[in-house]
Structures are given as structure tokens and as C-alpha cells.
PDB file of N, CA and C in Angstrom:
ATOM      1  N   UNK A   1      -4.247 -15.879   5.019  1.00  0.00           N
ATOM      2  CA  UNK A   1      -3.255 -15.174   5.826  1.00  0.00           C
ATOM      3  C   UNK A   1      -3.881 -14.883   7.175  1.00  0.00           C
ATOM      4  N   UNK A   2      -3.163 -15.201   8.200  1.00  0.00           N
ATOM      5  CA  UNK A   2      -3.702 -15.037   9.531  1.00  0.00           C
ATOM      6  C   UNK A   2      -2.878 -14.024  10.314  1.00  0.00           C
ATOM      7  N   UNK A   3      -2.901 -12.804   9.863  1.00  0.00           N
ATOM      8  CA  UNK A   3      -2.124 -11.730  10.471  1.00  0.00           C
ATOM      9  C   UNK A   3      -3.065 -10.893  11.331  1.00  0.00           C
ATOM     10  N   UNK A   4      -2.623 -10.518  12.528  1.00  0.00           N
ATOM     11  CA  UNK A   4      -3.476  -9.700  13.388  1.00  0.00           C
ATOM     12  C   UNK A   4      -3.599  -8.288  12.810  1.00  0.00           C
ATOM     13  N   UNK A   5      -4.668  -7.617  13.189  1.00  0.00           N
ATOM     14  CA  UNK A   5      -4.888  -6.246  12.725  1.00  0.00           C
ATOM     15  C   UNK A   5      -3.731  -5.351  13.162  1.00  0.00           C
ATOM     16  N   UNK A   6      -3.261  -5.548  14.384  1.00  0.00           N
ATOM     17  CA  UNK A   6      -2.157  -4.722  14.874  1.00  0.00           C
ATOM     18  C   UNK A   6      -0.860  -4.987  14.111  1.00  0.00           C
ATOM     19  N   UNK A   7      -0.698  -6.210  13.619  1.00  0.00           N
ATOM     20  CA  UNK A   7       0.484  -6.529  12.809  1.00  0.00           C
ATOM     21  C   UNK A   7       0.446  -5.742  11.497  1.00  0.00           C
ATOM     22  N   UNK A   8      -0.729  -5.621  10.900  1.00  0.00           N
ATOM     23  CA  UNK A   8      -0.872  -4.807   9.687  1.00  0.00           C
ATOM     24  C   UNK A   8      -0.465  -3.359   9.971  1.00  0.00           C
ATOM     25  N   UNK A   9      -0.966  -2.826  11.080  1.00  0.00           N
ATOM     26  CA  UNK A   9      -0.648  -1.448  11.465  1.00  0.00           C
ATOM     27  C   UNK A   9       0.855  -1.298  11.657  1.00  0.00           C
ATOM     28  N   UNK A  10       1.457  -2.252  12.345  1.00  0.00           N
ATOM     29  CA  UNK A  10       2.899  -2.213  12.609  1.00  0.00           C
ATOM     30  C   UNK A  10       3.699  -2.224  11.297  1.00  0.00           C
ATOM     31  N   UNK A  11       3.368  -3.141  10.406  1.00  0.00           N
ATOM     32  CA  UNK A  11       4.103  -3.262   9.138  1.00  0.00           C
ATOM     33  C   UNK A  11       3.955  -1.991   8.294  1.00  0.00           C
ATOM     34  N   UNK A  12       2.759  -1.462   8.225  1.00  0.00           N
ATOM     35  CA  UNK A  12       2.530  -0.250   7.431  1.00  0.00           C
ATOM     36  C   UNK A  12       3.170   0.952   8.110  1.00  0.00           C
ATOM     37  N   UNK A  13       3.031   1.030   9.428  1.00  0.00           N
ATOM     38  CA  UNK A  13       3.619   2.129  10.173  1.00  0.00           C
ATOM     39  C   UNK A  13       5.131   2.195  10.025  1.00  0.00           C
ATOM     40  N   UNK A  14       5.782   1.039   9.934  1.00  0.00           N
ATOM     41  CA  UNK A  14       7.234   1.004   9.720  1.00  0.00           C
ATOM     42  C   UNK A  14       7.584   1.245   8.251  1.00  0.00           C
ATOM     43  N   UNK A  15       6.724   0.813   7.357  1.00  0.00           N
ATOM     44  CA  UNK A  15       7.009   0.923   5.925  1.00  0.00           C
ATOM     45  C   UNK A  15       6.898   2.331   5.365  1.00  0.00           C
ATOM     46  N   UNK A  16       5.978   3.107   5.890  1.00  0.00           N
ATOM     47  CA  UNK A  16       5.760   4.463   5.351  1.00  0.00           C
ATOM     48  C   UNK A  16       7.012   5.336   5.447  1.00  0.00           C
ATOM     49  N   UNK A  17       7.645   5.470   6.625  1.00  0.00           N
ATOM     50  CA  UNK A  17       8.836   6.331   6.670  1.00  0.00           C
ATOM     51  C   UNK A  17       9.990   5.803   5.817  1.00  0.00           C
ATOM     52  N   UNK A  18      10.098   4.494   5.696  1.00  0.00           N
ATOM     53  CA  UNK A  18      11.141   3.903   4.837  1.00  0.00           C
ATOM     54  C   UNK A  18      10.876   4.286   3.382  1.00  0.00           C
ATOM     55  N   UNK A  19       9.620   4.198   2.969  1.00  0.00           N
ATOM     56  CA  UNK A  19       9.252   4.545   1.592  1.00  0.00           C
ATOM     57  C   UNK A  19       9.444   6.039   1.329  1.00  0.00           C
ATOM     58  N   UNK A  20       9.109   6.867   2.307  1.00  0.00           N
ATOM     59  CA  UNK A  20       9.298   8.314   2.153  1.00  0.00           C
ATOM     60  C   UNK A  20      10.783   8.622   1.983  1.00  0.00           C
ATOM     61  N   UNK A  21      11.615   8.017   2.818  1.00  0.00           N
ATOM     62  CA  UNK A  21      13.068   8.244   2.721  1.00  0.00           C
ATOM     63  C   UNK A  21      13.604   7.765   1.377  1.00  0.00           C
ATOM     64  N   UNK A  22      13.138   6.596   0.923  1.00  0.00           N
ATOM     65  CA  UNK A  22      13.590   6.067  -0.371  1.00  0.00           C
ATOM     66  C   UNK A  22      13.166   6.991  -1.513  1.00  0.00           C
ATOM     67  N   UNK A  23      11.949   7.482  -1.461  1.00  0.00           N
ATOM     68  CA  UNK A  23      11.464   8.391  -2.510  1.00  0.00           C
ATOM     69  C   UNK A  23      12.302   9.667  -2.527  1.00  0.00           C
ATOM     70  N   UNK A  24      12.564  10.194  -1.360  1.00  0.00           N
ATOM     71  CA  UNK A  24      13.377  11.422  -1.291  1.00  0.00           C
ATOM     72  C   UNK A  24      14.799  11.167  -1.793  1.00  0.00           C
ATOM     73  N   UNK A  25      15.369  10.031  -1.425  1.00  0.00           N
ATOM     74  CA  UNK A  25      16.724   9.689  -1.892  1.00  0.00           C
ATOM     75  C   UNK A  25      16.781   9.536  -3.400  1.00  0.00           C
ATOM     76  N   UNK A  26      15.670   9.128  -3.994  1.00  0.00           N
ATOM     77  CA  UNK A  26      15.602   8.933  -5.443  1.00  0.00           C
ATOM     78  C   UNK A  26      14.964  10.116  -6.162  1.00  0.00           C
ATOM     79  N   UNK A  27      14.784  11.212  -5.446  1.00  0.00           N
ATOM     80  CA  UNK A  27      14.174  12.436  -5.993  1.00  0.00           C
ATOM     81  C   UNK A  27      12.820  12.168  -6.649  1.00  0.00           C
ATOM     82  N   UNK A  28      12.034  11.282  -6.028  1.00  0.00           N
ATOM     83  CA  UNK A  28      10.700  10.965  -6.531  1.00  0.00           C
ATOM     84  C   UNK A  28       9.655  11.750  -5.735  1.00  0.00           C
ATOM     85  N   UNK A  29       8.568  12.094  -6.404  1.00  0.00           N
ATOM     86  CA  UNK A  29       7.465  12.768  -5.719  1.00  0.00           C
ATOM     87  C   UNK A  29       6.833  11.790  -4.732  1.00  0.00           C
ATOM     88  N   UNK A  30       6.460  12.280  -3.555  1.00  0.00           N
ATOM     89  CA  UNK A  30       5.912  11.408  -2.517  1.00  0.00           C
ATOM     90  C   UNK A  30       4.625  10.704  -2.927  1.00  0.00           C
ATOM     91  N   UNK A  31       3.904  11.250  -3.898  1.00  0.00           N
ATOM     92  CA  UNK A  31       2.658  10.597  -4.322  1.00  0.00           C
ATOM     93  C   UNK A  31       2.919   9.210  -4.914  1.00  0.00           C
ATOM     94  N   UNK A  32       4.174   8.910  -5.212  1.00  0.00           N
ATOM     95  CA  UNK A  32       4.502   7.610  -5.805  1.00  0.00           C
ATOM     96  C   UNK A  32       5.070   6.610  -4.802  1.00  0.00           C
ATOM     97  N   UNK A  33       4.985   6.897  -3.496  1.00  0.00           N
ATOM     98  CA  UNK A  33       5.518   5.928  -2.532  1.00  0.00           C
ATOM     99  C   UNK A  33       4.717   4.631  -2.515  1.00  0.00           C
ATOM    100  N   UNK A  34       3.531   4.643  -3.110  1.00  0.00           N
ATOM    101  CA  UNK A  34       2.760   3.396  -3.174  1.00  0.00           C
ATOM    102  C   UNK A  34       3.548   2.299  -3.884  1.00  0.00           C
ATOM    103  N   UNK A  35       4.457   2.692  -4.794  1.00  0.00           N
ATOM    104  CA  UNK A  35       5.259   1.691  -5.511  1.00  0.00           C
ATOM    105  C   UNK A  35       6.167   0.926  -4.552  1.00  0.00           C
ATOM    106  N   UNK A  36       6.624   1.606  -3.514  1.00  0.00           N
ATOM    107  CA  UNK A  36       7.441   0.926  -2.505  1.00  0.00           C
ATOM    108  C   UNK A  36       6.593  -0.043  -1.686  1.00  0.00           C
ATOM    109  N   UNK A  37       5.321   0.269  -1.531  1.00  0.00           N
ATOM    110  CA  UNK A  37       4.416  -0.627  -0.806  1.00  0.00           C
ATOM    111  C   UNK A  37       4.237  -1.939  -1.552  1.00  0.00           C
ATOM    112  N   UNK A  38       4.260  -1.881  -2.876  1.00  0.00           N
ATOM    113  CA  UNK A  38       4.163  -3.119  -3.668  1.00  0.00           C
ATOM    114  C   UNK A  38       5.355  -4.003  -3.348  1.00  0.00           C
ATOM    115  N   UNK A  39       6.559  -3.436  -3.398  1.00  0.00           N
ATOM    116  CA  UNK A  39       7.770  -4.205  -3.096  1.00  0.00           C
ATOM    117  C   UNK A  39       7.737  -4.738  -1.668  1.00  0.00           C
ATOM    118  N   UNK A  40       7.302  -3.895  -0.744  1.00  0.00           N
ATOM    119  CA  UNK A  40       7.220  -4.279   0.662  1.00  0.00           C
ATOM    120  C   UNK A  40       6.265  -5.466   0.835  1.00  0.00           C
ATOM    121  N   UNK A  41       5.117  -5.401   0.185  1.00  0.00           N
ATOM    122  CA  UNK A  41       4.131  -6.481   0.292  1.00  0.00           C
ATOM    123  C   UNK A  41       4.657  -7.770  -0.327  1.00  0.00           C
ATOM    124  N   UNK A  42       5.261  -7.664  -1.493  1.00  0.00           N
ATOM    125  CA  UNK A  42       5.801  -8.848  -2.176  1.00  0.00           C
ATOM    126  C   UNK A  42       6.870  -9.498  -1.302  1.00  0.00           C
ATOM    127  N   UNK A  43       7.717  -8.669  -0.711  1.00  0.00           N
ATOM    128  CA  UNK A  43       8.764  -9.193   0.173  1.00  0.00           C
ATOM    129  C   UNK A  43       8.156  -9.847   1.411  1.00  0.00           C
ATOM    130  N   UNK A  44       7.159  -9.199   2.011  1.00  0.00           N
ATOM    131  CA  UNK A  44       6.562  -9.758   3.231  1.00  0.00           C
ATOM    132  C   UNK A  44       5.825 -11.071   2.956  1.00  0.00           C
ATOM    133  N   UNK A  45       5.310 -11.225   1.742  1.00  0.00           N
ATOM    134  CA  UNK A  45       4.619 -12.466   1.372  1.00  0.00           C
ATOM    135  C   UNK A  45       5.582 -13.508   0.818  1.00  0.00           C
ATOM    136  N   UNK A  46       6.849 -13.106   0.637  1.00  0.00           N
ATOM    137  CA  UNK A  46       7.890 -13.977   0.104  1.00  0.00           C
ATOM    138  C   UNK A  46       7.492 -14.559  -1.260  1.00  0.00           C
ATOM    139  N   UNK A  47       7.055 -13.670  -2.152  1.00  0.00           N
ATOM    140  CA  UNK A  47       6.620 -14.073  -3.484  1.00  0.00           C
ATOM    141  C   UNK A  47       7.777 -13.912  -4.470  1.00  0.00           C
ATOM    142  N   UNK A  48       8.005 -14.966  -5.248  1.00  0.00           N
ATOM    143  CA  UNK A  48       9.064 -14.941  -6.255  1.00  0.00           C
ATOM    144  C   UNK A  48       8.531 -15.238  -7.657  1.00  0.00           C
ATOM    145  N   UNK A  49       7.274 -15.648  -7.741  1.00  0.00           N
ATOM    146  CA  UNK A  49       6.641 -15.975  -9.009  1.00  0.00           C
ATOM    147  C   UNK A  49       6.373 -14.677  -9.783  1.00  0.00           C
ATOM    148  N   UNK A  50       7.041 -14.507 -10.910  1.00  0.00           N
ATOM    149  CA  UNK A  50       6.929 -13.262 -11.680  1.00  0.00           C
ATOM    150  C   UNK A  50       5.513 -13.008 -12.187  1.00  0.00           C
ATOM    151  N   UNK A  51       4.768 -14.065 -12.474  1.00  0.00           N
ATOM    152  CA  UNK A  51       3.381 -13.890 -12.921  1.00  0.00           C
ATOM    153  C   UNK A  51       2.520 -13.288 -11.814  1.00  0.00           C
ATOM    154  N   UNK A  52       2.714 -13.760 -10.596  1.00  0.00           N
ATOM    155  CA  UNK A  52       1.955 -13.227  -9.461  1.00  0.00           C
ATOM    156  C   UNK A  52       2.367 -11.779  -9.194  1.00  0.00           C
ATOM    157  N   UNK A  53       3.654 -11.498  -9.279  1.00  0.00           N
ATOM    158  CA  UNK A  53       4.144 -10.131  -9.075  1.00  0.00           C
ATOM    159  C   UNK A  53       3.540  -9.194 -10.118  1.00  0.00           C
ATOM    160  N   UNK A  54       3.501  -9.636 -11.352  1.00  0.00           N
ATOM    161  CA  UNK A  54       2.905  -8.821 -12.419  1.00  0.00           C
ATOM    162  C   UNK A  54       1.417  -8.599 -12.164  1.00  0.00           C
ATOM    163  N   UNK A  55       0.742  -9.634 -11.699  1.00  0.00           N
ATOM    164  CA  UNK A  55      -0.684  -9.531 -11.387  1.00  0.00           C
ATOM    165  C   UNK A  55      -0.918  -8.501 -10.275  1.00  0.00           C
ATOM    166  N   UNK A  56      -0.072  -8.523  -9.258  1.00  0.00           N
ATOM    167  CA  UNK A  56      -0.167  -7.557  -8.160  1.00  0.00           C
ATOM    168  C   UNK A  56       0.039  -6.145  -8.698  1.00  0.00           C
ATOM    169  N   UNK A  57       1.078  -5.950  -9.497  1.00  0.00           N
ATOM    170  CA  UNK A  57       1.386  -4.625 -10.038  1.00  0.00           C
ATOM    171  C   UNK A  57       0.252  -4.092 -10.898  1.00  0.00           C
ATOM    172  N   UNK A  58      -0.344  -4.943 -11.728  1.00  0.00           N
ATOM    173  CA  UNK A  58      -1.455  -4.525 -12.582  1.00  0.00           C
ATOM    174  C   UNK A  58      -2.691  -4.172 -11.747  1.00  0.00           C
ATOM    175  N   UNK A  59      -2.978  -4.998 -10.757  1.00  0.00           N
ATOM    176  CA  UNK A  59      -4.136  -4.779  -9.884  1.00  0.00           C
ATOM    177  C   UNK A  59      -4.001  -3.443  -9.154  1.00  0.00           C
ATOM    178  N   UNK A  60      -2.835  -3.193  -8.586  1.00  0.00           N
ATOM    179  CA  UNK A  60      -2.604  -1.944  -7.853  1.00  0.00           C
ATOM    180  C   UNK A  60      -2.646  -0.749  -8.806  1.00  0.00           C
ATOM    181  N   UNK A  61      -2.063  -0.890  -9.961  1.00  0.00           N
ATOM    182  CA  UNK A  61      -2.066   0.192 -10.948  1.00  0.00           C
ATOM    183  C   UNK A  61      -3.501   0.599 -11.299  1.00  0.00           C
ATOM    184  N   UNK A  62      -4.358  -0.389 -11.482  1.00  0.00           N
ATOM    185  CA  UNK A  62      -5.765  -0.109 -11.787  1.00  0.00           C
ATOM    186  C   UNK A  62      -6.444   0.626 -10.627  1.00  0.00           C
ATOM    187  N   UNK A  63      -6.173   0.184  -9.399  1.00  0.00           N
ATOM    188  CA  UNK A  63      -6.779   0.829  -8.233  1.00  0.00           C
ATOM    189  C   UNK A  63      -6.324   2.278  -8.095  1.00  0.00           C
ATOM    190  N   UNK A  64      -5.027   2.501  -8.241  1.00  0.00           N
ATOM    191  CA  UNK A  64      -4.478   3.854  -8.107  1.00  0.00           C
ATOM    192  C   UNK A  64      -4.996   4.747  -9.233  1.00  0.00           C
ATOM    193  N   UNK A  65      -4.973   4.235 -10.467  1.00  0.00           N
ATOM    194  CA  UNK A  65      -5.469   5.017 -11.612  1.00  0.00           C
ATOM    195  C   UNK A  65      -6.926   5.413 -11.412  1.00  0.00           C
ATOM    196  N   UNK A  66      -7.726   4.486 -10.932  1.00  0.00           N
ATOM    197  CA  UNK A  66      -9.143   4.759 -10.697  1.00  0.00           C
ATOM    198  C   UNK A  66      -9.311   5.834  -9.619  1.00  0.00           C
ATOM    199  N   UNK A  67      -8.583   5.686  -8.533  1.00  0.00           N
ATOM    200  CA  UNK A  67      -8.693   6.657  -7.443  1.00  0.00           C
ATOM    201  C   UNK A  67      -8.240   8.035  -7.901  1.00  0.00           C
ATOM    202  N   UNK A  68      -7.114   8.107  -8.577  1.00  0.00           N
ATOM    203  CA  UNK A  68      -6.585   9.394  -9.023  1.00  0.00           C
ATOM    204  C   UNK A  68      -7.469  10.023 -10.097  1.00  0.00           C
ATOM    205  N   UNK A  69      -8.093   9.227 -10.948  1.00  0.00           N
ATOM    206  CA  UNK A  69      -8.965   9.802 -11.972  1.00  0.00           C
ATOM    207  C   UNK A  69     -10.269  10.307 -11.346  1.00  0.00           C
ATOM    208  N   UNK A  70     -10.757   9.625 -10.305  1.00  0.00           N
ATOM    209  CA  UNK A  70     -11.970  10.072  -9.610  1.00  0.00           C
ATOM    210  C   UNK A  70     -11.721  11.287  -8.736  1.00  0.00           C
ATOM    211  N   UNK A  71     -10.504  11.381  -8.188  1.00  0.00           N
ATOM    212  CA  UNK A  71     -10.178  12.481  -7.282  1.00  0.00           C
ATOM    213  C   UNK A  71      -8.694  12.830  -7.420  1.00  0.00           C
ATOM    214  N   UNK A  72      -8.357  13.701  -8.369  1.00  0.00           N
ATOM    215  CA  UNK A  72      -6.951  14.064  -8.586  1.00  0.00           C
ATOM    216  C   UNK A  72      -6.254  14.596  -7.325  1.00  0.00           C
ATOM    217  N   UNK A  73      -7.011  15.194  -6.422  1.00  0.00           N
ATOM    218  CA  UNK A  73      -6.430  15.714  -5.179  1.00  0.00           C
ATOM    219  C   UNK A  73      -5.937  14.590  -4.262  1.00  0.00           C
ATOM    220  N   UNK A  74      -6.434  13.376  -4.492  1.00  0.00           N
ATOM    221  CA  UNK A  74      -6.038  12.266  -3.620  1.00  0.00           C
ATOM    222  C   UNK A  74      -4.558  11.909  -3.770  1.00  0.00           C
ATOM    223  N   UNK A  75      -3.918  12.400  -4.830  1.00  0.00           N
ATOM    224  CA  UNK A  75      -2.479  12.152  -4.991  1.00  0.00           C
ATOM    225  C   UNK A  75      -1.689  12.639  -3.781  1.00  0.00           C
ATOM    226  N   UNK A  76      -2.177  13.679  -3.131  1.00  0.00           N
ATOM    227  CA  UNK A  76      -1.461  14.224  -1.976  1.00  0.00           C
ATOM    228  C   UNK A  76      -1.582  13.331  -0.740  1.00  0.00           C
ATOM    229  N   UNK A  77      -2.464  12.346  -0.786  1.00  0.00           N
ATOM    230  CA  UNK A  77      -2.663  11.437   0.343  1.00  0.00           C
ATOM    231  C   UNK A  77      -1.772  10.203   0.202  1.00  0.00           C
ATOM    232  N   UNK A  78      -0.485  10.460   0.080  1.00  0.00           N
ATOM    233  CA  UNK A  78       0.467   9.386  -0.230  1.00  0.00           C
ATOM    234  C   UNK A  78       0.564   8.329   0.865  1.00  0.00           C
ATOM    235  N   UNK A  79       0.376   8.709   2.126  1.00  0.00           N
ATOM    236  CA  UNK A  79       0.424   7.707   3.201  1.00  0.00           C
ATOM    237  C   UNK A  79      -0.766   6.759   3.093  1.00  0.00           C
ATOM    238  N   UNK A  80      -1.926   7.308   2.779  1.00  0.00           N
ATOM    239  CA  UNK A  80      -3.116   6.482   2.580  1.00  0.00           C
ATOM    240  C   UNK A  80      -2.892   5.501   1.431  1.00  0.00           C
ATOM    241  N   UNK A  81      -2.332   6.000   0.326  1.00  0.00           N
ATOM    242  CA  UNK A  81      -2.103   5.134  -0.830  1.00  0.00           C
ATOM    243  C   UNK A  81      -1.043   4.068  -0.549  1.00  0.00           C
ATOM    244  N   UNK A  82      -0.057   4.412   0.265  1.00  0.00           N
ATOM    245  CA  UNK A  82       0.924   3.395   0.663  1.00  0.00           C
ATOM    246  C   UNK A  82       0.203   2.278   1.412  1.00  0.00           C
ATOM    247  N   UNK A  83      -0.592   2.650   2.414  1.00  0.00           N
ATOM    248  CA  UNK A  83      -1.301   1.666   3.230  1.00  0.00           C
ATOM    249  C   UNK A  83      -2.249   0.817   2.391  1.00  0.00           C
ATOM    250  N   UNK A  84      -3.050   1.467   1.557  1.00  0.00           N
ATOM    251  CA  UNK A  84      -4.011   0.697   0.760  1.00  0.00           C
ATOM    252  C   UNK A  84      -3.294  -0.214  -0.229  1.00  0.00           C
ATOM    253  N   UNK A  85      -2.206   0.264  -0.797  1.00  0.00           N
ATOM    254  CA  UNK A  85      -1.448  -0.574  -1.728  1.00  0.00           C
ATOM    255  C   UNK A  85      -0.873  -1.784  -1.018  1.00  0.00           C
ATOM    256  N   UNK A  86      -0.277  -1.562   0.144  1.00  0.00           N
ATOM    257  CA  UNK A  86       0.307  -2.673   0.905  1.00  0.00           C
ATOM    258  C   UNK A  86      -0.754  -3.729   1.216  1.00  0.00           C
ATOM    259  N   UNK A  87      -1.900  -3.282   1.669  1.00  0.00           N
ATOM    260  CA  UNK A  87      -2.973  -4.215   2.033  1.00  0.00           C
ATOM    261  C   UNK A  87      -3.553  -4.897   0.800  1.00  0.00           C
ATOM    262  N   UNK A  88      -3.944  -4.095  -0.200  1.00  0.00           N
ATOM    263  CA  UNK A  88      -4.632  -4.662  -1.357  1.00  0.00           C
ATOM    264  C   UNK A  88      -3.712  -5.469  -2.271  1.00  0.00           C
ATOM    265  N   UNK A  89      -2.399  -5.340  -2.114  1.00  0.00           N
ATOM    266  CA  UNK A  89      -1.476  -6.191  -2.874  1.00  0.00           C
ATOM    267  C   UNK A  89      -1.634  -7.656  -2.465  1.00  0.00           C
ATOM    268  N   UNK A  90      -2.180  -7.881  -1.293  1.00  0.00           N
ATOM    269  CA  UNK A  90      -2.389  -9.247  -0.812  1.00  0.00           C
ATOM    270  C   UNK A  90      -3.592  -9.923  -1.480  1.00  0.00           C
ATOM    271  N   UNK A  91      -4.454  -9.133  -2.137  1.00  0.00           N
ATOM    272  CA  UNK A  91      -5.663  -9.693  -2.766  1.00  0.00           C
ATOM    273  C   UNK A  91      -5.320 -10.511  -4.012  1.00  0.00           C
ATOM    274  N   UNK A  92      -4.629  -9.949  -5.018  1.00  0.00           N
ATOM    275  CA  UNK A  92      -4.321 -10.769  -6.187  1.00  0.00           C
ATOM    276  C   UNK A  92      -3.346 -11.911  -5.875  1.00  0.00           C
ATOM    277  N   UNK A  93      -2.617 -11.792  -4.780  1.00  0.00           N
ATOM    278  CA  UNK A  93      -1.726 -12.873  -4.357  1.00  0.00           C
ATOM    279  C   UNK A  93      -2.504 -13.964  -3.619  1.00  0.00           C
ATOM    280  N   UNK A  94      -3.804 -13.754  -3.503  1.00  0.00           N
ATOM    281  CA  UNK A  94      -4.729 -14.699  -2.873  1.00  0.00           C
ATOM    282  C   UNK A  94      -4.368 -14.987  -1.420  1.00  0.00           C
ATOM    283  N   UNK A  95      -3.857 -13.953  -0.746  1.00  0.00           N
ATOM    284  CA  UNK A  95      -3.548 -14.059   0.677  1.00  0.00           C
ATOM    285  C   UNK A  95      -4.745 -13.644   1.528  1.00  0.00           C
ATOM    286  N   UNK A  96      -5.540 -12.693   1.003  1.00  0.00           N
ATOM    287  CA  UNK A  96      -6.760 -12.244   1.664  1.00  0.00           C
ATOM    288  C   UNK A  96      -7.805 -11.932   0.598  1.00  0.00           C
ATOM    289  N   UNK A  97      -9.056 -11.901   1.018  1.00  0.00           N
ATOM    290  CA  UNK A  97     -10.158 -11.534   0.135  1.00  0.00           C
ATOM    291  C   UNK A  97     -10.321 -10.011   0.150  1.00  0.00           C
ATOM    292  N   UNK A  98     -10.965  -9.476  -0.861  1.00  0.00           N
ATOM    293  CA  UNK A  98     -11.143  -8.030  -0.965  1.00  0.00           C
ATOM    294  C   UNK A  98     -11.932  -7.461   0.220  1.00  0.00           C
ATOM    295  N   UNK A  99     -12.957  -8.169   0.678  1.00  0.00           N
ATOM    296  CA  UNK A  99     -13.739  -7.681   1.824  1.00  0.00           C
ATOM    297  C   UNK A  99     -12.879  -7.614   3.080  1.00  0.00           C
ATOM    298  N   UNK A 100     -11.997  -8.588   3.246  1.00  0.00           N
ATOM    299  CA  UNK A 100     -11.095  -8.564   4.396  1.00  0.00           C
ATOM    300  C   UNK A 100     -10.118  -7.394   4.268  1.00  0.00           C
ATOM    301  N   UNK A 101      -9.653  -7.138   3.054  1.00  0.00           N
ATOM    302  CA  UNK A 101      -8.758  -6.000   2.817  1.00  0.00           C
ATOM    303  C   UNK A 101      -9.453  -4.697   3.195  1.00  0.00           C
ATOM    304  N   UNK A 102     -10.729  -4.573   2.874  1.00  0.00           N
ATOM    305  CA  UNK A 102     -11.494  -3.376   3.247  1.00  0.00           C
ATOM    306  C   UNK A 102     -11.547  -3.216   4.769  1.00  0.00           C
ATOM    307  N   UNK A 103     -11.794  -4.321   5.483  1.00  0.00           N
ATOM    308  CA  UNK A 103     -11.855  -4.266   6.949  1.00  0.00           C
ATOM    309  C   UNK A 103     -10.495  -3.881   7.535  1.00  0.00           C
ATOM    310  N   UNK A 104      -9.435  -4.464   6.984  1.00  0.00           N
ATOM    311  CA  UNK A 104      -8.083  -4.146   7.450  1.00  0.00           C
ATOM    312  C   UNK A 104      -7.787  -2.674   7.196  1.00  0.00           C
ATOM    313  N   UNK A 105      -8.150  -2.196   6.017  1.00  0.00           N
ATOM    314  CA  UNK A 105      -7.891  -0.799   5.671  1.00  0.00           C
ATOM    315  C   UNK A 105      -8.630   0.133   6.628  1.00  0.00           C
ATOM    316  N   UNK A 106      -9.879  -0.176   6.948  1.00  0.00           N
ATOM    317  CA  UNK A 106     -10.636   0.641   7.897  1.00  0.00           C
ATOM    318  C   UNK A 106      -9.919   0.700   9.245  1.00  0.00           C
ATOM    319  N   UNK A 107      -9.418  -0.434   9.695  1.00  0.00           N
ATOM    320  CA  UNK A 107      -8.710  -0.497  10.979  1.00  0.00           C
ATOM    321  C   UNK A 107      -7.418   0.319  10.928  1.00  0.00           C
ATOM    322  N   UNK A 108      -6.661   0.165   9.863  1.00  0.00           N
ATOM    323  CA  UNK A 108      -5.397   0.878   9.721  1.00  0.00           C
ATOM    324  C   UNK A 108      -5.632   2.390   9.664  1.00  0.00           C
ATOM    325  N   UNK A 109      -6.656   2.811   8.931  1.00  0.00           N
ATOM    326  CA  UNK A 109      -6.981   4.246   8.843  1.00  0.00           C
ATOM    327  C   UNK A 109      -7.313   4.791  10.236  1.00  0.00           C
ATOM    328  N   UNK A 110      -8.007   3.986  11.016  1.00  0.00           N
ATOM    329  CA  UNK A 110      -8.381   4.393  12.365  1.00  0.00           C
ATOM    330  C   UNK A 110      -7.149   4.538  13.274  1.00  0.00           C
ATOM    331  N   UNK A 111      -6.139   3.701  13.054  1.00  0.00           N
ATOM    332  CA  UNK A 111      -4.991   3.646  13.961  1.00  0.00           C
ATOM    333  C   UNK A 111      -3.806   4.549  13.543  1.00  0.00           C
ATOM    334  N   UNK A 112      -3.660   4.797  12.265  1.00  0.00           N
ATOM    335  CA  UNK A 112      -2.523   5.587  11.774  1.00  0.00           C
ATOM    336  C   UNK A 112      -2.993   6.921  11.223  1.00  0.00           C
ATOM    337  N   UNK A 113      -2.143   7.919  11.292  1.00  0.00           N
ATOM    338  CA  UNK A 113      -2.454   9.226  10.730  1.00  0.00           C
ATOM    339  C   UNK A 113      -2.065   9.227   9.252  1.00  0.00           C
ATOM    340  N   UNK A 114      -2.953   8.751   8.416  1.00  0.00           N
ATOM    341  CA  UNK A 114      -2.648   8.579   6.998  1.00  0.00           C
ATOM    342  C   UNK A 114      -2.989   9.811   6.171  1.00  0.00           C
ATOM    343  N   UNK A 115      -3.737  10.729   6.737  1.00  0.00           N
ATOM    344  CA  UNK A 115      -4.173  11.879   5.945  1.00  0.00           C
ATOM    345  C   UNK A 115      -3.392  13.139   6.258  1.00  0.00           C
ATOM    346  N   UNK A 116      -2.303  12.982   6.937  1.00  0.00           N
ATOM    347  CA  UNK A 116      -1.376  14.056   7.197  1.00  0.00           C
ATOM    348  C   UNK A 116      -0.480  14.168   5.957  1.00  0.00           C
ATOM    349  N   UNK A 117      -0.400  15.323   5.357  1.00  0.00           N
ATOM    350  CA  UNK A 117       0.402  15.435   4.127  1.00  0.00           C
ATOM    351  C   UNK A 117       1.845  15.783   4.389  1.00  0.00           C
ATOM    352  N   UNK A 118       2.179  16.242   5.574  1.00  0.00           N
ATOM    353  CA  UNK A 118       3.594  16.510   5.834  1.00  0.00           C
ATOM    354  C   UNK A 118       4.257  15.253   6.377  1.00  0.00           C
ATOM    355  N   UNK A 119       5.441  14.968   5.889  1.00  0.00           N
ATOM    356  CA  UNK A 119       6.103  13.713   6.268  1.00  0.00           C
ATOM    357  C   UNK A 119       6.982  13.913   7.480  1.00  0.00           C
TER     358      UNK A 119
END
């Protein structure tokens, strides 16, 4: 995948408020907006293969479970989890490597206010 760093920021920056609005419309807790990031990533990659979609969902579930078990307070960092989910969903889809995802995440964290808990 040959997407510019600023394109990642743009896509995530637009996706977060959409996910927050969707969660609120569905009476879901904001800590679960990462699930919308999975859909957003799958749509942006134009993936229709159910096996790949399942692989993405399992991979993200493991990452979120690990993060939340290591730091239960991190649930309140829903914008961060949206961004990381969107980026890391590209790894099992073989669009980017994990090291590249880490670099992208560092850039996105630097550019967006992901640790603000008020929406």
C-alpha cells in the first residue's frame, strides 16, 4: 500500500467523528468505536473476502484484548484505539507490514489529538 502519511491522518481524522456519532446513535459506549474502524478499514481496502475480514477482526480483537488487559484505563482512549485499529487492520490484510503500521501510528499520534477523552 502506497498511502502518504498525511492520507492516513486524513482518513482517521474523518473517521473518528463518524464513528463517535454512529456509536452515540446506537447507544454504544465510546470505548467500542474501534469496531467502526474495522469496517472503515475493510471498506477503504475494498475487501470482500470473508476469510480476510475474519482474520482482520480476530487480529484486532487480540490487540484490543491485550491492551485492555494490560491497562484497563486505556478503554477511555477510544480515539487512540480507533486510529490503531484502522491502521493495524491493514496488517492481516497484507497491505502493510507491522513495523510500517507502528511508524504510521507514531505519525498519526503526533498529528491528531487522540488522547482527548471528550468528543
